[in-house]
């Protein structure tokens, strides 16, 4: 039965986004602060994914996985993924976290 539900997509782009130096945030910050950081970041990403008609596949730790061109077709999924990645990078600059150096919170970076 599982094979009967399988659909072939001829043009799909998969994208992964993760927080630069995430293990450092985990070591230096309180667990609830890390959870709140990821919740805020992923909530923003969820809205962006919806606006770009992409598909959120999964989140594991600080990794956010997206597909474009599946499950619904898109003419240029690579363009959608590129635009989405630029938007996600820009949005991350407005979310700050403690870097553990005793200074002010700094904007997070994603890759």
PDB file of N, CA and C in Angstrom:
ATOM      1  N   UNK A   1       0.818  -1.202   0.000  1.00  0.00           N
ATOM      2  CA  UNK A   1       0.000   0.000   0.000  1.00  0.00           C
ATOM      3  C   UNK A   1       0.855   1.257   0.000  1.00  0.00           C
ATOM      4  N   UNK A   2       1.987   1.239   0.679  1.00  0.00           N
ATOM      5  CA  UNK A   2       2.833   2.431   0.725  1.00  0.00           C
ATOM      6  C   UNK A   2       3.305   2.821  -0.659  1.00  0.00           C
ATOM      7  N   UNK A   3       3.611   1.856  -1.505  1.00  0.00           N
ATOM      8  CA  UNK A   3       4.069   2.159  -2.856  1.00  0.00           C
ATOM      9  C   UNK A   3       2.965   2.781  -3.692  1.00  0.00           C
ATOM     10  N   UNK A   4       1.736   2.422  -3.439  1.00  0.00           N
ATOM     11  CA  UNK A   4       0.620   2.979  -4.184  1.00  0.00           C
ATOM     12  C   UNK A   4       0.459   4.471  -3.903  1.00  0.00           C
ATOM     13  N   UNK A   5       0.917   4.940  -2.746  1.00  0.00           N
ATOM     14  CA  UNK A   5       0.796   6.341  -2.371  1.00  0.00           C
ATOM     15  C   UNK A   5       2.006   7.170  -2.808  1.00  0.00           C
ATOM     16  N   UNK A   6       3.040   6.524  -3.309  1.00  0.00           N
ATOM     17  CA  UNK A   6       4.251   7.215  -3.697  1.00  0.00           C
ATOM     18  C   UNK A   6       4.023   8.018  -4.968  1.00  0.00           C
ATOM     19  N   UNK A   7       4.580   9.224  -5.021  1.00  0.00           N
ATOM     20  CA  UNK A   7       4.458  10.080  -6.192  1.00  0.00           C
ATOM     21  C   UNK A   7       5.849  10.545  -6.594  1.00  0.00           C
ATOM     22  N   UNK A   8       6.106  10.563  -7.865  1.00  0.00           N
ATOM     23  CA  UNK A   8       7.398  11.012  -8.381  1.00  0.00           C
ATOM     24  C   UNK A   8       7.325  12.509  -8.654  1.00  0.00           C
ATOM     25  N   UNK A   9       8.334  13.227  -8.212  1.00  0.00           N
ATOM     26  CA  UNK A   9       8.456  14.660  -8.478  1.00  0.00           C
ATOM     27  C   UNK A   9       9.729  14.859  -9.284  1.00  0.00           C
ATOM     28  N   UNK A  10       9.605  15.447 -10.442  1.00  0.00           N
ATOM     29  CA  UNK A  10      10.745  15.541 -11.353  1.00  0.00           C
ATOM     30  C   UNK A  10      11.704  16.675 -11.022  1.00  0.00           C
ATOM     31  N   UNK A  11      11.275  17.658 -10.258  1.00  0.00           N
ATOM     32  CA  UNK A  11      12.128  18.813 -10.000  1.00  0.00           C
ATOM     33  C   UNK A  11      11.921  19.277  -8.559  1.00  0.00           C
ATOM     34  N   UNK A  12      12.790  18.836  -7.671  1.00  0.00           N
ATOM     35  CA  UNK A  12      12.681  19.129  -6.240  1.00  0.00           C
ATOM     36  C   UNK A  12      13.997  19.695  -5.733  1.00  0.00           C
ATOM     37  N   UNK A  13      13.911  20.673  -4.862  1.00  0.00           N
ATOM     38  CA  UNK A  13      15.085  21.210  -4.194  1.00  0.00           C
ATOM     39  C   UNK A  13      14.910  21.011  -2.695  1.00  0.00           C
ATOM     40  N   UNK A  14      15.937  20.484  -2.043  1.00  0.00           N
ATOM     41  CA  UNK A  14      15.941  20.291  -0.586  1.00  0.00           C
ATOM     42  C   UNK A  14      16.917  21.286   0.007  1.00  0.00           C
ATOM     43  N   UNK A  15      16.506  21.933   1.094  1.00  0.00           N
ATOM     44  CA  UNK A  15      17.355  22.929   1.745  1.00  0.00           C
ATOM     45  C   UNK A  15      17.409  22.640   3.245  1.00  0.00           C
ATOM     46  N   UNK A  16      18.592  22.803   3.811  1.00  0.00           N
ATOM     47  CA  UNK A  16      18.796  22.684   5.248  1.00  0.00           C
ATOM     48  C   UNK A  16      19.292  24.020   5.777  1.00  0.00           C
ATOM     49  N   UNK A  17      18.781  24.434   6.930  1.00  0.00           N
ATOM     50  CA  UNK A  17      19.272  25.636   7.600  1.00  0.00           C
ATOM     51  C   UNK A  17      19.601  25.265   9.036  1.00  0.00           C
ATOM     52  N   UNK A  18      20.738  25.745   9.519  1.00  0.00           N
ATOM     53  CA  UNK A  18      21.100  25.496  10.917  1.00  0.00           C
ATOM     54  C   UNK A  18      21.761  26.735  11.498  1.00  0.00           C
ATOM     55  N   UNK A  19      21.753  26.830  12.816  1.00  0.00           N
ATOM     56  CA  UNK A  19      22.304  27.978  13.529  1.00  0.00           C
ATOM     57  C   UNK A  19      23.814  27.791  13.677  1.00  0.00           C
ATOM     58  N   UNK A  20      24.566  28.797  13.241  1.00  0.00           N
ATOM     59  CA  UNK A  20      26.017  28.770  13.388  1.00  0.00           C
ATOM     60  C   UNK A  20      26.363  28.801  14.881  1.00  0.00           C
ATOM     61  N   UNK A  21      27.277  27.963  15.302  1.00  0.00           N
ATOM     62  CA  UNK A  21      27.733  27.872  16.704  1.00  0.00           C
ATOM     63  C   UNK A  21      26.623  27.459  17.674  1.00  0.00           C
ATOM     64  N   UNK A  22      25.653  26.697  17.203  1.00  0.00           N
ATOM     65  CA  UNK A  22      24.559  26.276  18.081  1.00  0.00           C
ATOM     66  C   UNK A  22      25.043  25.536  19.325  1.00  0.00           C
ATOM     67  N   UNK A  23      26.035  24.629  19.236  1.00  0.00           N
ATOM     68  CA  UNK A  23      26.500  23.950  20.463  1.00  0.00           C
ATOM     69  C   UNK A  23      26.986  24.935  21.537  1.00  0.00           C
ATOM     70  N   UNK A  24      27.557  26.054  21.103  1.00  0.00           N
ATOM     71  CA  UNK A  24      28.004  27.073  22.058  1.00  0.00           C
ATOM     72  C   UNK A  24      26.812  27.682  22.792  1.00  0.00           C
ATOM     73  N   UNK A  25      25.728  27.964  22.074  1.00  0.00           N
ATOM     74  CA  UNK A  25      24.526  28.502  22.723  1.00  0.00           C
ATOM     75  C   UNK A  25      23.985  27.516  23.749  1.00  0.00           C
ATOM     76  N   UNK A  26      24.005  26.245  23.393  1.00  0.00           N
ATOM     77  CA  UNK A  26      23.495  25.211  24.295  1.00  0.00           C
ATOM     78  C   UNK A  26      24.347  25.148  25.560  1.00  0.00           C
ATOM     79  N   UNK A  27      25.665  25.235  25.428  1.00  0.00           N
ATOM     80  CA  UNK A  27      26.562  25.187  26.593  1.00  0.00           C
ATOM     81  C   UNK A  27      26.442  26.427  27.464  1.00  0.00           C
ATOM     82  N   UNK A  28      26.289  27.586  26.836  1.00  0.00           N
ATOM     83  CA  UNK A  28      26.373  28.847  27.562  1.00  0.00           C
ATOM     84  C   UNK A  28      25.048  29.365  28.101  1.00  0.00           C
ATOM     85  N   UNK A  29      23.940  28.910  27.563  1.00  0.00           N
ATOM     86  CA  UNK A  29      22.653  29.486  27.934  1.00  0.00           C
ATOM     87  C   UNK A  29      21.795  28.474  28.689  1.00  0.00           C
ATOM     88  N   UNK A  30      20.748  28.968  29.322  1.00  0.00           N
ATOM     89  CA  UNK A  30      19.815  28.105  30.044  1.00  0.00           C
ATOM     90  C   UNK A  30      18.980  27.323  29.036  1.00  0.00           C
ATOM     91  N   UNK A  31      18.615  26.094  29.369  1.00  0.00           N
ATOM     92  CA  UNK A  31      17.833  25.270  28.430  1.00  0.00           C
ATOM     93  C   UNK A  31      16.565  25.962  27.925  1.00  0.00           C
ATOM     94  N   UNK A  32      15.832  26.626  28.801  1.00  0.00           N
ATOM     95  CA  UNK A  32      14.598  27.284  28.368  1.00  0.00           C
ATOM     96  C   UNK A  32      14.892  28.425  27.394  1.00  0.00           C
ATOM     97  N   UNK A  33      16.013  29.097  27.550  1.00  0.00           N
ATOM     98  CA  UNK A  33      16.388  30.165  26.618  1.00  0.00           C
ATOM     99  C   UNK A  33      16.675  29.600  25.232  1.00  0.00           C
ATOM    100  N   UNK A  34      17.318  28.445  25.188  1.00  0.00           N
ATOM    101  CA  UNK A  34      17.607  27.793  23.904  1.00  0.00           C
ATOM    102  C   UNK A  34      16.304  27.358  23.236  1.00  0.00           C
ATOM    103  N   UNK A  35      15.392  26.802  24.015  1.00  0.00           N
ATOM    104  CA  UNK A  35      14.099  26.385  23.476  1.00  0.00           C
ATOM    105  C   UNK A  35      13.328  27.587  22.935  1.00  0.00           C
ATOM    106  N   UNK A  36      13.341  28.682  23.687  1.00  0.00           N
ATOM    107  CA  UNK A  36      12.643  29.888  23.247  1.00  0.00           C
ATOM    108  C   UNK A  36      13.274  30.458  21.974  1.00  0.00           C
ATOM    109  N   UNK A  37      14.593  30.408  21.883  1.00  0.00           N
ATOM    110  CA  UNK A  37      15.293  30.875  20.689  1.00  0.00           C
ATOM    111  C   UNK A  37      14.846  30.073  19.464  1.00  0.00           C
ATOM    112  N   UNK A  38      14.882  28.754  19.576  1.00  0.00           N
ATOM    113  CA  UNK A  38      14.493  27.908  18.452  1.00  0.00           C
ATOM    114  C   UNK A  38      13.012  28.066  18.120  1.00  0.00           C
ATOM    115  N   UNK A  39      12.178  28.190  19.132  1.00  0.00           N
ATOM    116  CA  UNK A  39      10.749  28.371  18.890  1.00  0.00           C
ATOM    117  C   UNK A  39      10.493  29.661  18.115  1.00  0.00           C
ATOM    118  N   UNK A  40      11.146  30.735  18.512  1.00  0.00           N
ATOM    119  CA  UNK A  40      10.991  32.008  17.816  1.00  0.00           C
ATOM    120  C   UNK A  40      11.490  31.896  16.380  1.00  0.00           C
ATOM    121  N   UNK A  41      12.692  31.379  16.210  1.00  0.00           N
ATOM    122  CA  UNK A  41      13.284  31.249  14.885  1.00  0.00           C
ATOM    123  C   UNK A  41      12.429  30.371  13.977  1.00  0.00           C
ATOM    124  N   UNK A  42      12.023  29.211  14.466  1.00  0.00           N
ATOM    125  CA  UNK A  42      11.256  28.283  13.644  1.00  0.00           C
ATOM    126  C   UNK A  42       9.846  28.794  13.363  1.00  0.00           C
ATOM    127  N   UNK A  43       9.271  29.561  14.283  1.00  0.00           N
ATOM    128  CA  UNK A  43       7.953  30.158  14.031  1.00  0.00           C
ATOM    129  C   UNK A  43       8.029  31.161  12.883  1.00  0.00           C
ATOM    130  N   UNK A  44       9.090  31.950  12.859  1.00  0.00           N
ATOM    131  CA  UNK A  44       9.303  32.890  11.757  1.00  0.00           C
ATOM    132  C   UNK A  44       9.502  32.119  10.455  1.00  0.00           C
ATOM    133  N   UNK A  45      10.325  31.078  10.498  1.00  0.00           N
ATOM    134  CA  UNK A  45      10.574  30.263   9.306  1.00  0.00           C
ATOM    135  C   UNK A  45       9.296  29.599   8.799  1.00  0.00           C
ATOM    136  N   UNK A  46       8.463  29.123   9.717  1.00  0.00           N
ATOM    137  CA  UNK A  46       7.203  28.485   9.315  1.00  0.00           C
ATOM    138  C   UNK A  46       6.346  29.440   8.483  1.00  0.00           C
ATOM    139  N   UNK A  47       6.286  30.705   8.899  1.00  0.00           N
ATOM    140  CA  UNK A  47       5.512  31.702   8.154  1.00  0.00           C
ATOM    141  C   UNK A  47       6.121  31.947   6.778  1.00  0.00           C
ATOM    142  N   UNK A  48       7.444  32.018   6.723  1.00  0.00           N
ATOM    143  CA  UNK A  48       8.128  32.242   5.445  1.00  0.00           C
ATOM    144  C   UNK A  48       7.919  31.066   4.495  1.00  0.00           C
ATOM    145  N   UNK A  49       7.995  29.869   5.016  1.00  0.00           N
ATOM    146  CA  UNK A  49       7.785  28.666   4.203  1.00  0.00           C
ATOM    147  C   UNK A  49       6.386  28.696   3.602  1.00  0.00           C
ATOM    148  N   UNK A  50       5.410  29.059   4.400  1.00  0.00           N
ATOM    149  CA  UNK A  50       4.033  29.118   3.912  1.00  0.00           C
ATOM    150  C   UNK A  50       3.894  30.179   2.819  1.00  0.00           C
ATOM    151  N   UNK A  51       4.477  31.352   3.040  1.00  0.00           N
ATOM    152  CA  UNK A  51       4.400  32.430   2.044  1.00  0.00           C
ATOM    153  C   UNK A  51       5.053  32.047   0.716  1.00  0.00           C
ATOM    154  N   UNK A  52       6.113  31.255   0.786  1.00  0.00           N
ATOM    155  CA  UNK A  52       6.836  30.850  -0.423  1.00  0.00           C
ATOM    156  C   UNK A  52       6.286  29.549  -1.026  1.00  0.00           C
ATOM    157  N   UNK A  53       5.238  29.016  -0.426  1.00  0.00           N
ATOM    158  CA  UNK A  53       4.615  27.767  -0.885  1.00  0.00           C
ATOM    159  C   UNK A  53       5.625  26.622  -0.943  1.00  0.00           C
ATOM    160  N   UNK A  54       6.462  26.601   0.075  1.00  0.00           N
ATOM    161  CA  UNK A  54       7.431  25.512   0.228  1.00  0.00           C
ATOM    162  C   UNK A  54       6.844  24.511   1.226  1.00  0.00           C
ATOM    163  N   UNK A  55       7.622  23.498   1.572  1.00  0.00           N
ATOM    164  CA  UNK A  55       7.150  22.460   2.488  1.00  0.00           C
ATOM    165  C   UNK A  55       8.199  22.227   3.566  1.00  0.00           C
ATOM    166  N   UNK A  56       7.790  22.389   4.817  1.00  0.00           N
ATOM    167  CA  UNK A  56       8.676  22.091   5.939  1.00  0.00           C
ATOM    168  C   UNK A  56       8.671  20.584   6.144  1.00  0.00           C
ATOM    169  N   UNK A  57       9.826  19.978   5.947  1.00  0.00           N
ATOM    170  CA  UNK A  57       9.927  18.531   6.069  1.00  0.00           C
ATOM    171  C   UNK A  57      10.083  18.129   7.526  1.00  0.00           C
ATOM    172  N   UNK A  58      11.060  18.759   8.220  1.00  0.00           N
ATOM    173  CA  UNK A  58      11.371  18.317   9.588  1.00  0.00           C
ATOM    174  C   UNK A  58      12.274  19.346  10.262  1.00  0.00           C
ATOM    175  N   UNK A  59      12.244  19.331  11.595  1.00  0.00           N
ATOM    176  CA  UNK A  59      13.250  20.034  12.391  1.00  0.00           C
ATOM    177  C   UNK A  59      13.862  19.018  13.341  1.00  0.00           C
ATOM    178  N   UNK A  60      15.172  19.058  13.445  1.00  0.00           N
ATOM    179  CA  UNK A  60      15.898  18.206  14.389  1.00  0.00           C
ATOM    180  C   UNK A  60      16.956  19.088  15.033  1.00  0.00           C
ATOM    181  N   UNK A  61      16.824  19.297  16.344  1.00  0.00           N
ATOM    182  CA  UNK A  61      17.745  20.214  17.014  1.00  0.00           C
ATOM    183  C   UNK A  61      17.593  21.589  16.405  1.00  0.00           C
ATOM    184  N   UNK A  62      18.703  22.151  15.919  1.00  0.00           N
ATOM    185  CA  UNK A  62      18.657  23.475  15.301  1.00  0.00           C
ATOM    186  C   UNK A  62      18.536  23.410  13.786  1.00  0.00           C
ATOM    187  N   UNK A  63      18.368  22.225  13.225  1.00  0.00           N
ATOM    188  CA  UNK A  63      18.304  22.054  11.770  1.00  0.00           C
ATOM    189  C   UNK A  63      16.852  22.090  11.296  1.00  0.00           C
ATOM    190  N   UNK A  64      16.618  22.917  10.287  1.00  0.00           N
ATOM    191  CA  UNK A  64      15.298  23.110   9.697  1.00  0.00           C
ATOM    192  C   UNK A  64      15.393  22.640   8.252  1.00  0.00           C
ATOM    193  N   UNK A  65      14.605  21.643   7.869  1.00  0.00           N
ATOM    194  CA  UNK A  65      14.661  21.057   6.535  1.00  0.00           C
ATOM    195  C   UNK A  65      13.428  21.440   5.726  1.00  0.00           C
ATOM    196  N   UNK A  66      13.669  21.902   4.494  1.00  0.00           N
ATOM    197  CA  UNK A  66      12.604  22.392   3.628  1.00  0.00           C
ATOM    198  C   UNK A  66      12.715  21.723   2.266  1.00  0.00           C
ATOM    199  N   UNK A  67      11.563  21.503   1.631  1.00  0.00           N
ATOM    200  CA  UNK A  67      11.528  21.024   0.248  1.00  0.00           C
ATOM    201  C   UNK A  67      10.718  22.009  -0.588  1.00  0.00           C
ATOM    202  N   UNK A  68      11.193  22.264  -1.785  1.00  0.00           N
ATOM    203  CA  UNK A  68      10.419  23.032  -2.751  1.00  0.00           C
ATOM    204  C   UNK A  68      10.241  22.146  -3.984  1.00  0.00           C
ATOM    205  N   UNK A  69       9.088  22.241  -4.607  1.00  0.00           N
ATOM    206  CA  UNK A  69       8.780  21.374  -5.735  1.00  0.00           C
ATOM    207  C   UNK A  69       8.092  20.082  -5.321  1.00  0.00           C
ATOM    208  N   UNK A  70       7.909  19.879  -4.051  1.00  0.00           N
ATOM    209  CA  UNK A  70       7.201  18.713  -3.519  1.00  0.00           C
ATOM    210  C   UNK A  70       6.644  19.103  -2.151  1.00  0.00           C
ATOM    211  N   UNK A  71       5.527  18.645  -1.729  1.00  0.00           N
ATOM    212  CA  UNK A  71       4.633  17.716  -2.410  1.00  0.00           C
ATOM    213  C   UNK A  71       3.846  18.367  -3.550  1.00  0.00           C
ATOM    214  N   UNK A  72       3.798  19.704  -3.644  1.00  0.00           N
ATOM    215  CA  UNK A  72       3.139  20.325  -4.788  1.00  0.00           C
ATOM    216  C   UNK A  72       4.213  20.800  -5.765  1.00  0.00           C
ATOM    217  N   UNK A  73       3.914  20.708  -7.028  1.00  0.00           N
ATOM    218  CA  UNK A  73       4.888  21.043  -8.059  1.00  0.00           C
ATOM    219  C   UNK A  73       5.163  22.540  -8.098  1.00  0.00           C
ATOM    220  N   UNK A  74       6.371  22.875  -8.536  1.00  0.00           N
ATOM    221  CA  UNK A  74       6.764  24.269  -8.745  1.00  0.00           C
ATOM    222  C   UNK A  74       7.634  24.304  -9.994  1.00  0.00           C
ATOM    223  N   UNK A  75       7.464  25.351 -10.793  1.00  0.00           N
ATOM    224  CA  UNK A  75       8.214  25.432 -12.042  1.00  0.00           C
ATOM    225  C   UNK A  75       9.714  25.582 -11.802  1.00  0.00           C
ATOM    226  N   UNK A  76      10.094  26.396 -10.814  1.00  0.00           N
ATOM    227  CA  UNK A  76      11.505  26.619 -10.520  1.00  0.00           C
ATOM    228  C   UNK A  76      11.749  26.495  -9.009  1.00  0.00           C
ATOM    229  N   UNK A  77      11.759  25.273  -8.482  1.00  0.00           N
ATOM    230  CA  UNK A  77      11.927  25.109  -7.039  1.00  0.00           C
ATOM    231  C   UNK A  77      13.263  25.637  -6.533  1.00  0.00           C
ATOM    232  N   UNK A  78      14.290  25.626  -7.363  1.00  0.00           N
ATOM    233  CA  UNK A  78      15.596  26.144  -6.939  1.00  0.00           C
ATOM    234  C   UNK A  78      15.537  27.649  -6.688  1.00  0.00           C
ATOM    235  N   UNK A  79      14.753  28.354  -7.462  1.00  0.00           N
ATOM    236  CA  UNK A  79      14.590  29.812  -7.257  1.00  0.00           C
ATOM    237  C   UNK A  79      13.826  30.088  -5.966  1.00  0.00           C
ATOM    238  N   UNK A  80      12.800  29.290  -5.725  1.00  0.00           N
ATOM    239  CA  UNK A  80      12.022  29.445  -4.492  1.00  0.00           C
ATOM    240  C   UNK A  80      12.921  29.190  -3.284  1.00  0.00           C
ATOM    241  N   UNK A  81      13.719  28.128  -3.338  1.00  0.00           N
ATOM    242  CA  UNK A  81      14.625  27.801  -2.229  1.00  0.00           C
ATOM    243  C   UNK A  81      15.665  28.905  -2.032  1.00  0.00           C
ATOM    244  N   UNK A  82      16.188  29.453  -3.122  1.00  0.00           N
ATOM    245  CA  UNK A  82      17.189  30.524  -3.015  1.00  0.00           C
ATOM    246  C   UNK A  82      16.581  31.767  -2.388  1.00  0.00           C
ATOM    247  N   UNK A  83      15.388  32.144  -2.836  1.00  0.00           N
ATOM    248  CA  UNK A  83      14.719  33.313  -2.269  1.00  0.00           C
ATOM    249  C   UNK A  83      14.384  33.090  -0.799  1.00  0.00           C
ATOM    250  N   UNK A  84      13.902  31.907  -0.496  1.00  0.00           N
ATOM    251  CA  UNK A  84      13.562  31.573   0.883  1.00  0.00           C
ATOM    252  C   UNK A  84      14.807  31.608   1.774  1.00  0.00           C
ATOM    253  N   UNK A  85      15.920  31.092   1.287  1.00  0.00           N
ATOM    254  CA  UNK A  85      17.148  31.099   2.091  1.00  0.00           C
ATOM    255  C   UNK A  85      17.612  32.523   2.373  1.00  0.00           C
ATOM    256  N   UNK A  86      17.478  33.416   1.395  1.00  0.00           N
ATOM    257  CA  UNK A  86      17.846  34.816   1.625  1.00  0.00           C
ATOM    258  C   UNK A  86      16.935  35.457   2.672  1.00  0.00           C
ATOM    259  N   UNK A  87      15.647  35.184   2.583  1.00  0.00           N
ATOM    260  CA  UNK A  87      14.697  35.726   3.570  1.00  0.00           C
ATOM    261  C   UNK A  87      14.993  35.188   4.966  1.00  0.00           C
ATOM    262  N   UNK A  88      15.302  33.903   5.064  1.00  0.00           N
ATOM    263  CA  UNK A  88      15.593  33.286   6.353  1.00  0.00           C
ATOM    264  C   UNK A  88      16.871  33.879   6.962  1.00  0.00           C
ATOM    265  N   UNK A  89      17.862  34.104   6.121  1.00  0.00           N
ATOM    266  CA  UNK A  89      19.121  34.691   6.595  1.00  0.00           C
ATOM    267  C   UNK A  89      18.894  36.102   7.119  1.00  0.00           C
ATOM    268  N   UNK A  90      18.108  36.882   6.396  1.00  0.00           N
ATOM    269  CA  UNK A  90      17.797  38.241   6.829  1.00  0.00           C
ATOM    270  C   UNK A  90      17.017  38.240   8.150  1.00  0.00           C
ATOM    271  N   UNK A  91      16.045  37.358   8.269  1.00  0.00           N
ATOM    272  CA  UNK A  91      15.225  37.293   9.485  1.00  0.00           C
ATOM    273  C   UNK A  91      16.056  36.906  10.699  1.00  0.00           C
ATOM    274  N   UNK A  92      17.010  36.009  10.515  1.00  0.00           N
ATOM    275  CA  UNK A  92      17.849  35.563  11.634  1.00  0.00           C
ATOM    276  C   UNK A  92      18.633  36.713  12.236  1.00  0.00           C
ATOM    277  N   UNK A  93      18.937  37.722  11.446  1.00  0.00           N
ATOM    278  CA  UNK A  93      19.710  38.868  11.948  1.00  0.00           C
ATOM    279  C   UNK A  93      18.955  39.667  13.004  1.00  0.00           C
ATOM    280  N   UNK A  94      17.636  39.471  13.080  1.00  0.00           N
ATOM    281  CA  UNK A  94      16.821  40.201  14.059  1.00  0.00           C
ATOM    282  C   UNK A  94      16.564  39.393  15.325  1.00  0.00           C
ATOM    283  N   UNK A  95      17.103  38.180  15.376  1.00  0.00           N
ATOM    284  CA  UNK A  95      16.954  37.324  16.553  1.00  0.00           C
ATOM    285  C   UNK A  95      18.307  37.240  17.240  1.00  0.00           C
ATOM    286  N   UNK A  96      18.343  37.571  18.533  1.00  0.00           N
ATOM    287  CA  UNK A  96      19.617  37.617  19.245  1.00  0.00           C
ATOM    288  C   UNK A  96      19.718  36.509  20.281  1.00  0.00           C
ATOM    289  N   UNK A  97      20.958  36.200  20.633  1.00  0.00           N
ATOM    290  CA  UNK A  97      21.211  35.172  21.641  1.00  0.00           C
ATOM    291  C   UNK A  97      22.496  35.516  22.380  1.00  0.00           C
ATOM    292  N   UNK A  98      22.624  34.994  23.588  1.00  0.00           N
ATOM    293  CA  UNK A  98      23.816  35.178  24.412  1.00  0.00           C
ATOM    294  C   UNK A  98      24.924  34.283  23.876  1.00  0.00           C
ATOM    295  N   UNK A  99      26.060  34.897  23.556  1.00  0.00           N
ATOM    296  CA  UNK A  99      27.189  34.126  23.024  1.00  0.00           C
ATOM    297  C   UNK A  99      28.109  33.613  24.121  1.00  0.00           C
ATOM    298  N   UNK A 100      27.831  33.966  25.367  1.00  0.00           N
ATOM    299  CA  UNK A 100      28.620  33.449  26.476  1.00  0.00           C
ATOM    300  C   UNK A 100      29.902  34.202  26.743  1.00  0.00           C
ATOM    301  N   UNK A 101      30.118  35.317  26.046  1.00  0.00           N
ATOM    302  CA  UNK A 101      31.360  36.064  26.242  1.00  0.00           C
ATOM    303  C   UNK A 101      31.206  37.195  27.262  1.00  0.00           C
ATOM    304  N   UNK A 102      30.056  37.258  27.903  1.00  0.00           N
ATOM    305  CA  UNK A 102      29.817  38.280  28.913  1.00  0.00           C
ATOM    306  C   UNK A 102      29.340  39.598  28.336  1.00  0.00           C
ATOM    307  N   UNK A 103      29.298  39.704  27.030  1.00  0.00           N
ATOM    308  CA  UNK A 103      28.850  40.929  26.369  1.00  0.00           C
ATOM    309  C   UNK A 103      27.363  40.902  26.096  1.00  0.00           C
ATOM    310  N   UNK A 104      26.962  41.808  25.236  1.00  0.00           N
ATOM    311  CA  UNK A 104      25.557  41.883  24.859  1.00  0.00           C
ATOM    312  C   UNK A 104      25.183  40.713  23.951  1.00  0.00           C
ATOM    313  N   UNK A 105      23.882  40.444  23.901  1.00  0.00           N
ATOM    314  CA  UNK A 105      23.409  39.418  22.978  1.00  0.00           C
ATOM    315  C   UNK A 105      23.722  39.844  21.554  1.00  0.00           C
ATOM    316  N   UNK A 106      24.005  38.870  20.715  1.00  0.00           N
ATOM    317  CA  UNK A 106      24.363  39.125  19.328  1.00  0.00           C
ATOM    318  C   UNK A 106      23.340  38.473  18.395  1.00  0.00           C
ATOM    319  N   UNK A 107      23.147  39.050  17.207  1.00  0.00           N
ATOM    320  CA  UNK A 107      22.256  38.399  16.241  1.00  0.00           C
ATOM    321  C   UNK A 107      22.782  37.014  15.894  1.00  0.00           C
ATOM    322  N   UNK A 108      21.882  36.072  15.739  1.00  0.00           N
ATOM    323  CA  UNK A 108      22.320  34.731  15.360  1.00  0.00           C
ATOM    324  C   UNK A 108      22.607  34.712  13.868  1.00  0.00           C
ATOM    325  N   UNK A 109      23.354  33.724  13.451  1.00  0.00           N
ATOM    326  CA  UNK A 109      23.654  33.522  12.043  1.00  0.00           C
ATOM    327  C   UNK A 109      23.231  32.110  11.684  1.00  0.00           C
ATOM    328  N   UNK A 110      22.787  31.951  10.447  1.00  0.00           N
ATOM    329  CA  UNK A 110      22.432  30.611   9.990  1.00  0.00           C
ATOM    330  C   UNK A 110      23.284  30.244   8.780  1.00  0.00           C
ATOM    331  N   UNK A 111      23.341  28.968   8.528  1.00  0.00           N
ATOM    332  CA  UNK A 111      24.033  28.486   7.324  1.00  0.00           C
ATOM    333  C   UNK A 111      23.159  27.456   6.651  1.00  0.00           C
TER     334      UNK A 111
END
